Amino acid sequence: MGKNKGSRIVITLECDCRSTRNDESKIQRKKGISRYTTCKNKRNTPNRLELKKFCTYCNSHRLFKEIK
């Protein structure tokens, strides 16, 4: 039998540029949504997680927010 993982859950982080994307921007490399997966402790971090990571679609470091 495996151990219970407890309060650790797997979450998905999505790029902030998804809602603020402009078609006329020349910086953008390709269309799509950049996502990362990670895990967090529900007890220690009850709020939604926000991390600064590299977005391959914007070609820059952007704020990634937790999605459901």
N, C-alpha and C. Protein backbone atom coordinates (compact mmCIF):
# COMPACT_ATOMS: atom_id res chain seq x y z
N MET A 1 0.82 -1.18 0.00
CA MET A 1 0.00 0.00 0.00
C MET A 1 0.87 1.25 0.00
N GLY A 2 0.50 2.21 -0.82
CA GLY A 2 1.23 3.48 -0.86
C GLY A 2 0.75 4.42 0.23
N LYS A 3 1.60 5.39 0.52
CA LYS A 3 1.24 6.38 1.53
C LYS A 3 0.27 7.40 0.95
N ASN A 4 -0.54 7.96 1.82
CA ASN A 4 -1.45 9.02 1.43
C ASN A 4 -0.65 10.31 1.24
N LYS A 5 -0.87 11.00 0.15
CA LYS A 5 -0.13 12.23 -0.13
C LYS A 5 -0.56 13.37 0.78
N GLY A 6 -1.69 13.26 1.44
CA GLY A 6 -2.11 14.29 2.39
C GLY A 6 -2.63 15.53 1.70
N SER A 7 -2.07 16.67 2.06
CA SER A 7 -2.60 17.93 1.57
C SER A 7 -1.87 18.45 0.33
N ARG A 8 -0.95 17.66 -0.23
CA ARG A 8 -0.26 18.09 -1.45
C ARG A 8 -1.10 17.75 -2.67
N ILE A 9 -1.30 18.76 -3.54
CA ILE A 9 -2.10 18.57 -4.75
C ILE A 9 -1.32 19.07 -5.97
N VAL A 10 -1.63 18.52 -7.13
CA VAL A 10 -1.02 18.95 -8.39
C VAL A 10 -1.85 20.10 -8.94
N ILE A 11 -1.17 21.20 -9.32
CA ILE A 11 -1.86 22.37 -9.87
C ILE A 11 -1.28 22.69 -11.24
N THR A 12 -2.02 23.47 -12.02
CA THR A 12 -1.61 23.91 -13.34
C THR A 12 -1.44 25.42 -13.31
N LEU A 13 -0.32 25.89 -13.84
CA LEU A 13 -0.05 27.33 -13.94
C LEU A 13 -0.18 27.74 -15.40
N GLU A 14 -0.90 28.85 -15.64
CA GLU A 14 -1.13 29.32 -17.00
C GLU A 14 -0.60 30.74 -17.14
N CYS A 15 -0.09 31.07 -18.32
CA CYS A 15 0.50 32.37 -18.58
C CYS A 15 -0.53 33.49 -18.45
N ASP A 16 -0.07 34.62 -17.92
CA ASP A 16 -0.93 35.79 -17.75
C ASP A 16 -1.26 36.45 -19.09
N CYS A 17 -0.46 36.21 -20.12
CA CYS A 17 -0.65 36.86 -21.41
C CYS A 17 -1.87 36.33 -22.16
N ARG A 18 -2.48 35.26 -21.67
CA ARG A 18 -3.62 34.67 -22.36
C ARG A 18 -4.75 35.68 -22.53
N SER A 19 -5.02 36.49 -21.50
CA SER A 19 -6.11 37.45 -21.57
C SER A 19 -5.67 38.78 -22.16
N THR A 20 -4.37 39.09 -22.12
CA THR A 20 -3.88 40.39 -22.59
C THR A 20 -3.17 40.29 -23.93
N ARG A 21 -3.40 39.22 -24.67
CA ARG A 21 -2.70 38.99 -25.93
C ARG A 21 -3.23 39.92 -27.03
N ASN A 22 -2.33 40.55 -27.76
CA ASN A 22 -2.68 41.40 -28.90
C ASN A 22 -2.19 40.74 -30.18
N ASP A 23 -3.01 40.77 -31.23
CA ASP A 23 -2.61 40.16 -32.49
C ASP A 23 -1.54 40.98 -33.20
N GLU A 24 -1.50 42.30 -32.93
CA GLU A 24 -0.55 43.14 -33.64
C GLU A 24 0.83 43.19 -32.98
N SER A 25 1.02 42.49 -31.86
CA SER A 25 2.33 42.52 -31.21
C SER A 25 3.32 41.70 -32.03
N LYS A 26 4.51 42.25 -32.22
CA LYS A 26 5.53 41.58 -33.03
C LYS A 26 6.44 40.71 -32.18
N ILE A 27 6.33 40.83 -30.85
CA ILE A 27 7.17 40.06 -29.94
C ILE A 27 6.73 38.60 -29.90
N GLN A 28 5.47 38.37 -30.11
CA GLN A 28 4.88 37.04 -29.98
C GLN A 28 5.45 36.08 -31.03
N ARG A 29 5.86 34.90 -30.61
CA ARG A 29 6.45 33.94 -31.54
C ARG A 29 5.41 33.05 -32.20
N LYS A 30 4.51 32.47 -31.41
CA LYS A 30 3.51 31.57 -31.96
C LYS A 30 2.26 31.64 -31.12
N LYS A 31 1.16 31.17 -31.65
CA LYS A 31 -0.11 31.22 -30.94
C LYS A 31 -0.27 30.00 -30.04
N GLY A 32 -0.95 30.19 -28.94
CA GLY A 32 -1.18 29.10 -28.01
C GLY A 32 -1.12 29.57 -26.57
N ILE A 33 -1.19 28.63 -25.65
CA ILE A 33 -1.17 28.93 -24.24
C ILE A 33 -0.02 28.16 -23.60
N SER A 34 0.80 28.84 -22.83
CA SER A 34 1.90 28.20 -22.15
C SER A 34 1.44 27.77 -20.76
N ARG A 35 1.71 26.52 -20.39
CA ARG A 35 1.29 26.00 -19.09
C ARG A 35 2.41 25.21 -18.44
N TYR A 36 2.47 25.29 -17.12
CA TYR A 36 3.38 24.50 -16.30
C TYR A 36 2.56 23.75 -15.26
N THR A 37 3.06 22.60 -14.81
CA THR A 37 2.42 21.89 -13.71
C THR A 37 3.39 21.79 -12.56
N THR A 38 2.86 21.87 -11.35
CA THR A 38 3.64 21.77 -10.13
C THR A 38 2.72 21.28 -9.02
N CYS A 39 3.25 21.12 -7.82
CA CYS A 39 2.41 20.72 -6.71
C CYS A 39 2.59 21.72 -5.57
N LYS A 40 1.57 21.83 -4.74
CA LYS A 40 1.62 22.74 -3.60
C LYS A 40 0.92 22.11 -2.41
N ASN A 41 1.19 22.63 -1.24
CA ASN A 41 0.57 22.18 -0.02
C ASN A 41 -0.65 23.05 0.26
N LYS A 42 -1.83 22.44 0.32
CA LYS A 42 -3.07 23.20 0.53
C LYS A 42 -3.10 23.90 1.87
N ARG A 43 -2.50 23.29 2.88
CA ARG A 43 -2.53 23.88 4.23
C ARG A 43 -1.65 25.12 4.33
N ASN A 44 -0.47 25.07 3.74
CA ASN A 44 0.46 26.20 3.82
C ASN A 44 0.13 27.31 2.84
N THR A 45 -0.43 26.97 1.68
CA THR A 45 -0.74 27.95 0.64
C THR A 45 -2.19 27.78 0.20
N PRO A 46 -3.14 28.32 0.97
CA PRO A 46 -4.55 28.16 0.58
C PRO A 46 -4.95 29.05 -0.60
N ASN A 47 -4.22 30.15 -0.82
CA ASN A 47 -4.53 31.06 -1.92
C ASN A 47 -4.00 30.50 -3.24
N ARG A 48 -4.43 31.12 -4.33
CA ARG A 48 -3.93 30.71 -5.64
C ARG A 48 -2.47 31.12 -5.79
N LEU A 49 -1.68 30.23 -6.37
CA LEU A 49 -0.25 30.43 -6.51
C LEU A 49 0.05 31.28 -7.74
N GLU A 50 1.02 32.20 -7.63
CA GLU A 50 1.47 33.01 -8.75
C GLU A 50 3.00 32.96 -8.78
N LEU A 51 3.56 32.55 -9.91
CA LEU A 51 5.01 32.46 -10.07
C LEU A 51 5.43 33.12 -11.37
N LYS A 52 6.64 33.66 -11.38
CA LYS A 52 7.18 34.24 -12.60
C LYS A 52 7.99 33.17 -13.31
N LYS A 53 7.57 32.79 -14.54
CA LYS A 53 8.22 31.73 -15.30
C LYS A 53 8.38 32.21 -16.74
N PHE A 54 9.12 31.43 -17.53
CA PHE A 54 9.35 31.80 -18.93
C PHE A 54 8.21 31.31 -19.81
N CYS A 55 7.62 32.19 -20.57
CA CYS A 55 6.55 31.86 -21.51
C CYS A 55 7.16 31.72 -22.91
N THR A 56 7.04 30.53 -23.48
CA THR A 56 7.62 30.31 -24.81
C THR A 56 6.83 31.01 -25.90
N TYR A 57 5.58 31.34 -25.65
CA TYR A 57 4.76 31.99 -26.65
C TYR A 57 4.98 33.50 -26.67
N CYS A 58 5.30 34.09 -25.52
CA CYS A 58 5.60 35.52 -25.44
C CYS A 58 7.10 35.79 -25.58
N ASN A 59 7.90 34.74 -25.40
CA ASN A 59 9.36 34.83 -25.45
C ASN A 59 9.90 35.77 -24.38
N SER A 60 9.29 35.72 -23.18
CA SER A 60 9.73 36.55 -22.06
C SER A 60 9.27 35.92 -20.75
N HIS A 61 9.79 36.43 -19.65
CA HIS A 61 9.36 35.97 -18.33
C HIS A 61 8.07 36.70 -17.97
N ARG A 62 7.04 35.93 -17.63
CA ARG A 62 5.73 36.48 -17.32
C ARG A 62 5.19 35.87 -16.04
N LEU A 63 4.12 36.44 -15.54
CA LEU A 63 3.46 35.95 -14.34
C LEU A 63 2.53 34.80 -14.72
N PHE A 64 2.71 33.65 -14.07
CA PHE A 64 1.87 32.49 -14.30
C PHE A 64 0.97 32.33 -13.09
N LYS A 65 -0.34 32.17 -13.33
CA LYS A 65 -1.31 32.05 -12.25
C LYS A 65 -1.93 30.66 -12.24
N GLU A 66 -2.30 30.22 -11.07
CA GLU A 66 -2.92 28.90 -10.90
C GLU A 66 -4.33 28.93 -11.49
N ILE A 67 -4.68 27.88 -12.24
CA ILE A 67 -6.03 27.74 -12.79
C ILE A 67 -6.65 26.49 -12.20
N LYS A 68 -7.97 26.38 -12.29
CA LYS A 68 -8.66 25.21 -11.76
C LYS A 68 -8.63 24.09 -12.75
